[in-house]
N, C-alpha and C. Protein backbone atom coordinates (compact mmCIF):
# COMPACT_ATOMS: atom_id res chain seq x y z
N MET A 1 16.74 10.08 -18.42
CA MET A 1 16.38 8.91 -17.30
C MET A 1 17.47 8.88 -16.30
N ASN A 2 17.09 8.65 -15.06
CA ASN A 2 18.03 8.42 -13.80
C ASN A 2 17.85 6.98 -13.65
N LYS A 3 18.99 6.42 -14.08
CA LYS A 3 19.09 4.98 -14.15
C LYS A 3 19.01 4.35 -12.61
N ARG A 4 19.93 5.29 -11.63
CA ARG A 4 19.96 4.87 -10.37
C ARG A 4 18.54 4.57 -9.72
N ILE A 5 17.66 5.79 -9.93
CA ILE A 5 16.36 6.11 -9.32
C ILE A 5 15.41 5.30 -9.85
N VAL A 6 15.52 4.79 -11.20
CA VAL A 6 14.51 3.79 -11.72
C VAL A 6 14.80 2.33 -11.21
N ILE A 7 16.26 2.11 -10.98
CA ILE A 7 16.50 0.66 -10.22
C ILE A 7 16.02 0.67 -8.97
N VAL A 8 16.03 1.90 -8.26
CA VAL A 8 15.59 1.98 -6.69
C VAL A 8 13.87 1.68 -6.75
N GLY A 9 13.17 2.20 -7.71
CA GLY A 9 11.75 2.13 -8.04
C GLY A 9 11.59 0.53 -8.09
N ILE A 10 12.16 -0.06 -9.15
CA ILE A 10 11.89 -1.35 -9.31
C ILE A 10 11.93 -2.09 -8.19
N VAL A 11 13.11 -2.16 -7.30
CA VAL A 11 13.64 -2.80 -6.21
C VAL A 11 12.44 -2.49 -5.31
N LEU A 12 12.01 -1.39 -4.96
CA LEU A 12 10.96 -1.10 -4.10
C LEU A 12 9.59 -2.00 -4.36
N ILE A 13 9.45 -1.98 -5.91
CA ILE A 13 8.15 -2.76 -6.39
C ILE A 13 8.23 -4.10 -6.31
N VAL A 14 9.37 -4.73 -6.66
CA VAL A 14 9.49 -6.00 -6.54
C VAL A 14 9.53 -6.64 -5.23
N SER A 15 10.13 -5.85 -4.17
CA SER A 15 10.17 -6.25 -2.63
C SER A 15 8.57 -5.91 -2.20
N ALA A 16 8.02 -4.96 -2.74
CA ALA A 16 6.50 -4.80 -2.03
C ALA A 16 5.81 -6.02 -2.76
N ILE A 17 5.98 -6.67 -3.85
CA ILE A 17 5.26 -7.58 -4.38
C ILE A 17 5.58 -8.86 -3.44
N ILE A 18 6.82 -9.15 -3.25
CA ILE A 18 7.26 -10.42 -2.44
C ILE A 18 6.79 -10.15 -0.79
N LEU A 19 6.83 -8.75 -0.21
CA LEU A 19 6.31 -8.84 0.94
C LEU A 19 4.65 -8.86 0.96
N GLY A 20 3.98 -8.41 0.02
CA GLY A 20 2.56 -8.69 -0.15
C GLY A 20 2.06 -9.92 -0.20
N ALA A 21 2.78 -10.80 -1.06
CA ALA A 21 2.45 -12.16 -1.08
C ALA A 21 3.00 -12.86 0.21
N PHE A 22 3.86 -12.56 0.91
CA PHE A 22 4.23 -13.20 2.01
C PHE A 22 3.32 -13.02 3.19
N GLY A 23 2.67 -11.55 2.99
CA GLY A 23 1.68 -11.07 4.36
C GLY A 23 0.48 -12.05 3.98
N ALA A 24 0.01 -12.06 2.43
CA ALA A 24 -1.23 -12.63 2.03
C ALA A 24 -1.23 -14.10 2.34
N HIS A 25 -0.14 -14.80 2.24
CA HIS A 25 -0.10 -16.24 2.46
C HIS A 25 0.56 -16.84 3.72
N ALA A 26 1.73 -16.29 3.81
CA ALA A 26 2.47 -16.81 5.19
C ALA A 26 2.10 -16.38 6.44
N LEU A 27 1.61 -14.86 6.26
CA LEU A 27 1.30 -14.15 7.48
C LEU A 27 -0.15 -14.10 8.04
N LYS A 28 -0.86 -14.77 7.06
CA LYS A 28 -2.20 -14.42 7.05
C LYS A 28 -2.80 -15.41 8.33
N GLU A 29 -2.43 -16.46 8.32
CA GLU A 29 -3.01 -17.18 9.59
C GLU A 29 -2.23 -17.02 10.70
N ILE A 30 -1.08 -16.37 10.80
CA ILE A 30 -0.23 -15.90 12.03
C ILE A 30 -0.30 -14.70 12.79
N LEU A 31 -0.87 -13.49 11.98
CA LEU A 31 -0.78 -12.42 12.38
C LEU A 31 -2.15 -12.04 12.87
N SER A 32 -2.55 -11.41 13.91
CA SER A 32 -3.94 -10.91 14.20
C SER A 32 -4.28 -9.98 12.93
N GLU A 33 -5.61 -9.69 12.75
CA GLU A 33 -6.13 -9.00 11.70
C GLU A 33 -5.59 -7.51 11.68
N THR A 34 -5.56 -6.85 12.87
CA THR A 34 -4.82 -5.43 12.90
C THR A 34 -3.48 -5.62 12.50
N LYS A 35 -2.70 -6.57 13.06
CA LYS A 35 -1.37 -6.29 12.47
C LYS A 35 -1.30 -6.85 11.10
N LEU A 36 -1.95 -7.57 10.52
CA LEU A 36 -1.79 -8.03 8.94
C LEU A 36 -2.40 -6.73 8.16
N LYS A 37 -3.23 -5.86 8.93
CA LYS A 37 -3.66 -4.66 8.23
C LYS A 37 -2.38 -3.78 7.98
N SER A 38 -1.90 -3.49 9.14
CA SER A 38 -0.72 -2.64 9.43
C SER A 38 0.25 -3.02 8.41
N PHE A 39 0.70 -4.10 8.20
CA PHE A 39 1.39 -4.83 7.51
C PHE A 39 1.25 -4.67 6.00
N GLU A 40 -0.05 -4.62 5.60
CA GLU A 40 -0.36 -4.44 4.27
C GLU A 40 -0.37 -2.98 4.04
N THR A 41 -0.37 -2.03 4.96
CA THR A 41 -0.46 -0.28 4.78
C THR A 41 1.22 -0.25 4.58
N GLY A 42 2.08 -1.02 4.97
CA GLY A 42 3.43 -0.81 4.76
C GLY A 42 3.79 -1.25 3.52
N VAL A 43 2.98 -2.19 3.03
CA VAL A 43 3.32 -2.90 1.62
C VAL A 43 2.72 -1.62 0.51
N ARG A 44 1.51 -1.44 0.92
CA ARG A 44 1.09 -0.27 0.00
C ARG A 44 1.81 0.96 -0.19
N TYR A 45 2.28 1.55 0.93
CA TYR A 45 3.03 2.83 0.64
C TYR A 45 4.40 2.51 0.06
N GLN A 46 4.91 1.24 0.24
CA GLN A 46 6.25 1.03 -0.41
C GLN A 46 5.74 0.91 -1.95
N MET A 47 4.82 0.45 -2.40
CA MET A 47 4.45 0.04 -3.77
C MET A 47 4.34 1.53 -4.55
N TYR A 48 3.24 2.25 -3.66
CA TYR A 48 3.34 3.61 -4.19
C TYR A 48 4.37 4.56 -4.56
N HIS A 49 5.40 4.17 -3.57
CA HIS A 49 6.40 5.04 -3.61
C HIS A 49 7.26 4.34 -4.65
N GLY A 50 7.44 3.15 -4.91
CA GLY A 50 8.29 2.58 -5.80
C GLY A 50 7.85 2.88 -7.29
N LEU A 51 6.53 3.18 -7.42
CA LEU A 51 5.70 3.56 -8.73
C LEU A 51 6.21 4.98 -9.08
N ALA A 52 6.31 5.82 -7.96
CA ALA A 52 6.46 7.19 -8.01
C ALA A 52 8.21 7.30 -8.23
N PHE A 53 9.00 6.58 -7.63
CA PHE A 53 10.58 6.56 -8.27
C PHE A 53 10.76 6.18 -9.55
N LEU A 54 9.94 5.33 -9.94
CA LEU A 54 10.19 4.88 -11.39
C LEU A 54 9.60 5.88 -12.37
N ILE A 55 8.40 6.54 -12.25
CA ILE A 55 7.84 7.76 -12.89
C ILE A 55 8.99 8.73 -12.78
N LEU A 56 9.52 9.14 -11.43
CA LEU A 56 10.24 10.39 -11.47
C LEU A 56 11.43 10.24 -12.04
N GLY A 57 12.15 8.84 -12.00
CA GLY A 57 13.43 8.50 -12.61
C GLY A 57 13.23 8.43 -13.79
N LEU A 58 12.37 7.94 -14.63
CA LEU A 58 12.20 7.89 -16.19
C LEU A 58 12.16 9.21 -16.52
N ASN A 59 11.44 10.30 -15.86
CA ASN A 59 11.18 11.57 -16.37
C ASN A 59 12.08 12.54 -15.61
N GLU A 60 13.19 12.34 -15.27
CA GLU A 60 13.91 13.34 -14.46
C GLU A 60 14.50 14.41 -15.47
N LYS A 61 14.66 14.20 -16.55
CA LYS A 61 15.18 15.16 -17.54
C LYS A 61 14.17 16.13 -17.83
N SER A 62 13.19 15.93 -17.56
CA SER A 62 11.94 16.87 -17.84
C SER A 62 11.94 18.33 -16.80
N PHE A 63 12.64 17.80 -15.65
CA PHE A 63 12.70 18.73 -14.48
C PHE A 63 14.07 19.50 -14.60
N SER A 64 13.97 20.79 -14.23
CA SER A 64 15.19 21.83 -14.55
C SER A 64 15.95 21.85 -13.09
N PHE A 65 15.70 21.21 -12.04
CA PHE A 65 16.02 21.24 -10.93
C PHE A 65 16.57 19.83 -10.55
N SER A 66 17.64 19.78 -9.64
CA SER A 66 17.90 18.56 -9.01
C SER A 66 16.95 17.65 -8.18
N MET A 67 16.65 16.58 -8.42
CA MET A 67 15.86 15.69 -7.64
C MET A 67 16.45 15.13 -6.37
N LYS A 68 17.73 15.21 -5.94
CA LYS A 68 18.68 14.55 -5.02
C LYS A 68 17.86 14.69 -3.88
N TYR A 69 17.67 15.74 -3.08
CA TYR A 69 16.99 15.67 -1.93
C TYR A 69 15.56 15.16 -1.94
N ILE A 70 14.84 15.29 -2.91
CA ILE A 70 13.46 14.56 -3.09
C ILE A 70 13.77 13.08 -3.03
N HIS A 71 14.53 12.76 -3.72
CA HIS A 71 14.73 11.20 -3.78
C HIS A 71 15.25 10.88 -2.23
N ILE A 72 16.06 11.24 -1.66
CA ILE A 72 16.42 11.07 -0.30
C ILE A 72 15.46 10.79 0.56
N PHE A 73 14.77 11.93 0.66
CA PHE A 73 13.45 12.23 1.51
C PHE A 73 12.75 11.18 1.37
N LEU A 74 12.25 11.00 0.01
CA LEU A 74 11.21 9.86 -0.31
C LEU A 74 11.86 8.46 0.07
N LEU A 75 13.13 8.04 -0.29
CA LEU A 75 13.54 6.65 -0.05
C LEU A 75 13.52 6.68 1.65
N MET A 76 14.05 7.44 2.31
CA MET A 76 14.30 7.27 3.60
C MET A 76 12.86 7.27 4.45
N GLY A 77 11.88 8.14 3.87
CA GLY A 77 10.57 7.85 4.56
C GLY A 77 10.05 6.56 4.16
N VAL A 78 10.48 5.67 2.94
CA VAL A 78 9.76 4.36 2.83
C VAL A 78 10.47 3.70 3.78
N VAL A 79 11.72 3.76 3.84
CA VAL A 79 12.45 2.66 4.65
C VAL A 79 12.13 2.96 6.12
N PHE A 80 11.78 4.14 6.61
CA PHE A 80 11.39 4.27 8.02
C PHE A 80 10.15 3.85 8.39
N PHE A 81 9.24 4.40 7.50
CA PHE A 81 7.70 4.24 7.58
C PHE A 81 7.35 2.79 7.24
N SER A 82 7.61 1.95 6.21
CA SER A 82 7.45 0.81 5.77
C SER A 82 8.19 -0.20 6.78
N GLY A 83 9.42 0.14 6.86
CA GLY A 83 10.30 -1.04 7.43
C GLY A 83 9.86 -0.75 9.01
N SER A 84 9.61 0.23 9.83
CA SER A 84 9.20 0.02 11.25
C SER A 84 7.92 -0.52 11.14
N ILE A 85 6.76 -0.34 10.15
CA ILE A 85 5.70 -1.19 10.32
C ILE A 85 5.76 -2.52 10.18
N TYR A 86 6.57 -2.93 9.11
CA TYR A 86 6.83 -4.36 9.08
C TYR A 86 7.52 -5.19 10.39
N GLY A 87 8.45 -4.32 11.17
CA GLY A 87 9.11 -4.62 12.24
C GLY A 87 7.70 -4.98 13.47
N LEU A 88 7.06 -3.74 13.59
CA LEU A 88 6.32 -3.78 14.67
C LEU A 88 5.20 -4.69 14.38
N SER A 89 4.80 -5.16 13.37
CA SER A 89 3.72 -6.08 12.73
C SER A 89 4.27 -7.33 13.07
N MET A 90 5.55 -7.78 12.98
CA MET A 90 5.99 -9.05 13.15
C MET A 90 6.93 -9.33 14.70
N GLN A 91 6.70 -8.38 15.61
CA GLN A 91 7.47 -8.61 16.59
C GLN A 91 7.47 -9.68 17.37
N GLU A 92 6.13 -9.93 17.46
CA GLU A 92 5.57 -11.36 18.30
C GLU A 92 5.85 -12.38 17.73
N LEU A 93 5.85 -12.49 16.29
CA LEU A 93 6.23 -13.62 15.55
C LEU A 93 7.70 -13.84 15.69
N LEU A 94 8.45 -12.83 15.49
CA LEU A 94 10.14 -12.80 15.78
C LEU A 94 10.54 -13.02 17.28
N GLY A 95 9.40 -13.03 18.15
CA GLY A 95 9.90 -13.17 19.60
C GLY A 95 10.91 -12.05 20.04
N VAL A 96 10.55 -10.87 19.53
CA VAL A 96 11.69 -9.78 19.89
C VAL A 96 10.68 -8.45 20.26
N SER A 97 11.27 -7.54 21.10
CA SER A 97 10.52 -6.63 21.28
C SER A 97 11.00 -5.27 20.30
N LEU A 98 10.14 -4.84 19.60
CA LEU A 98 10.69 -3.77 18.57
C LEU A 98 9.71 -2.53 18.85
N LYS A 99 9.46 -2.51 20.01
CA LYS A 99 8.46 -1.04 20.39
C LYS A 99 9.29 0.21 20.00
N ALA A 100 10.63 0.17 20.17
CA ALA A 100 11.48 1.23 19.96
C ALA A 100 11.29 1.83 18.52
N LEU A 101 10.54 0.95 17.64
CA LEU A 101 10.15 1.27 16.15
C LEU A 101 8.96 2.31 16.10
N GLY A 102 8.18 2.12 17.38
CA GLY A 102 7.17 3.02 17.13
C GLY A 102 7.26 4.70 16.61
N PRO A 103 8.08 5.24 17.29
CA PRO A 103 8.36 6.65 16.98
C PRO A 103 9.07 6.66 15.47
N ILE A 104 9.48 5.77 14.85
CA ILE A 104 9.90 5.89 13.81
C ILE A 104 8.83 5.85 12.42
N THR A 105 8.03 5.24 12.82
CA THR A 105 6.75 5.31 11.71
C THR A 105 6.37 6.70 11.25
N PRO A 106 6.04 7.50 12.32
CA PRO A 106 5.70 8.70 11.83
C PRO A 106 6.68 9.87 11.53
N LEU A 107 8.05 9.33 11.85
CA LEU A 107 9.03 10.00 11.35
C LEU A 107 9.21 9.56 9.88
N GLY A 108 9.02 8.52 9.54
CA GLY A 108 9.10 8.15 8.00
C GLY A 108 8.00 8.83 7.14
N GLY A 109 6.76 8.93 8.01
CA GLY A 109 5.54 9.59 6.95
C GLY A 109 6.15 11.22 6.96
N LEU A 110 6.61 11.59 7.91
CA LEU A 110 7.17 13.08 7.80
C LEU A 110 8.15 13.18 6.75
N MET A 111 9.09 12.20 6.62
CA MET A 111 10.02 12.26 5.54
C MET A 111 9.36 12.33 4.05
N MET A 112 8.52 11.29 4.07
CA MET A 112 7.82 11.27 2.82
C MET A 112 7.14 12.35 2.34
N ILE A 113 6.32 13.15 3.41
CA ILE A 113 5.72 14.35 3.23
C ILE A 113 6.62 15.53 2.69
N ILE A 114 7.86 15.70 3.51
CA ILE A 114 8.74 16.51 3.05
C ILE A 114 9.26 16.33 1.66
N GLY A 115 9.48 15.09 1.25
CA GLY A 115 10.06 14.95 -0.03
C GLY A 115 8.87 15.49 -1.12
N TRP A 116 7.58 15.18 -0.89
CA TRP A 116 6.75 15.52 -1.64
C TRP A 116 6.47 17.04 -1.87
N VAL A 117 6.46 17.62 -0.53
CA VAL A 117 6.28 19.02 -0.63
C VAL A 117 7.40 19.79 -1.35
N LEU A 118 8.62 19.15 -1.09
CA LEU A 118 9.83 19.65 -1.78
C LEU A 118 9.88 19.72 -3.37
N LEU A 119 9.12 18.60 -3.65
CA LEU A 119 8.86 18.32 -5.06
C LEU A 119 7.74 19.81 -5.73
N LEU A 120 6.72 19.73 -4.84
CA LEU A 120 5.82 20.67 -5.27
C LEU A 120 6.23 21.97 -5.13
N VAL A 121 7.25 22.21 -4.14
CA VAL A 121 7.68 23.86 -4.39
C VAL A 121 8.44 24.07 -5.50
N ARG A 122 9.27 22.98 -5.66
CA ARG A 122 10.17 23.11 -6.92
C ARG A 122 9.57 23.18 -8.27
N ILE A 123 8.20 22.52 -8.24
CA ILE A 123 7.55 22.72 -9.46
C ILE A 123 6.95 23.91 -9.70
N ILE A 124 6.32 24.46 -8.59
CA ILE A 124 5.74 25.82 -8.56
C ILE A 124 6.82 26.75 -8.91
N LYS A 125 8.06 26.82 -8.39
CA LYS A 125 9.06 27.55 -8.66
C LYS A 125 9.48 27.71 -10.09
N GLN A 126 9.26 26.53 -10.88
CA GLN A 126 10.03 26.31 -12.14
C GLN A 126 9.27 27.25 -12.97
N LYS A 127 9.93 27.78 -13.84
CA LYS A 127 9.45 28.95 -14.86
C LYS A 127 8.77 28.27 -15.84
N ASP A 128 7.70 28.76 -16.12
CA ASP A 128 6.68 28.06 -17.36
C ASP A 128 7.45 27.75 -18.68
N ASN A 129 8.64 28.44 -19.09
CA ASN A 129 9.10 28.03 -20.11
C ASN A 129 10.08 27.12 -20.09
N GLU A 130 10.72 26.52 -18.75
CA GLU A 130 11.48 25.40 -18.61
C GLU A 130 10.75 24.03 -18.60
N SER A 131 11.39 23.15 -18.96
CA SER A 131 10.94 21.69 -19.24
C SER A 131 10.17 21.41 -18.04
N LEU A 132 9.04 20.45 -18.53
CA LEU A 132 8.26 19.77 -17.45
C LEU A 132 7.23 19.03 -18.04
């Protein structure tokens, strides 16, 4: 088990639950339907990746390769992707223009894709007789 990665996963999950509840209750009447759906997309991707961190962290000893860069790309991807969506969804509410975050969202998505592709490539390259 990688305790640090498991903790990151739990923090992502707990904060996704809090943000999801915040969106469903506090923001429901304040944000437009489109902005609320965007906010929920950020929460959903954060939750998915929190669960992935939990699974990967609990099973890290099963892999014969370092997961360091995979974790970095996935975490930075979630922060950039979901974080920028949260900011963009709530910019009117906050009374601040956060349009500069617009290009950050696809960059975060790309970082998540890179993290998953790195994991895929390393699993494919792992020899059959090694742990997994």
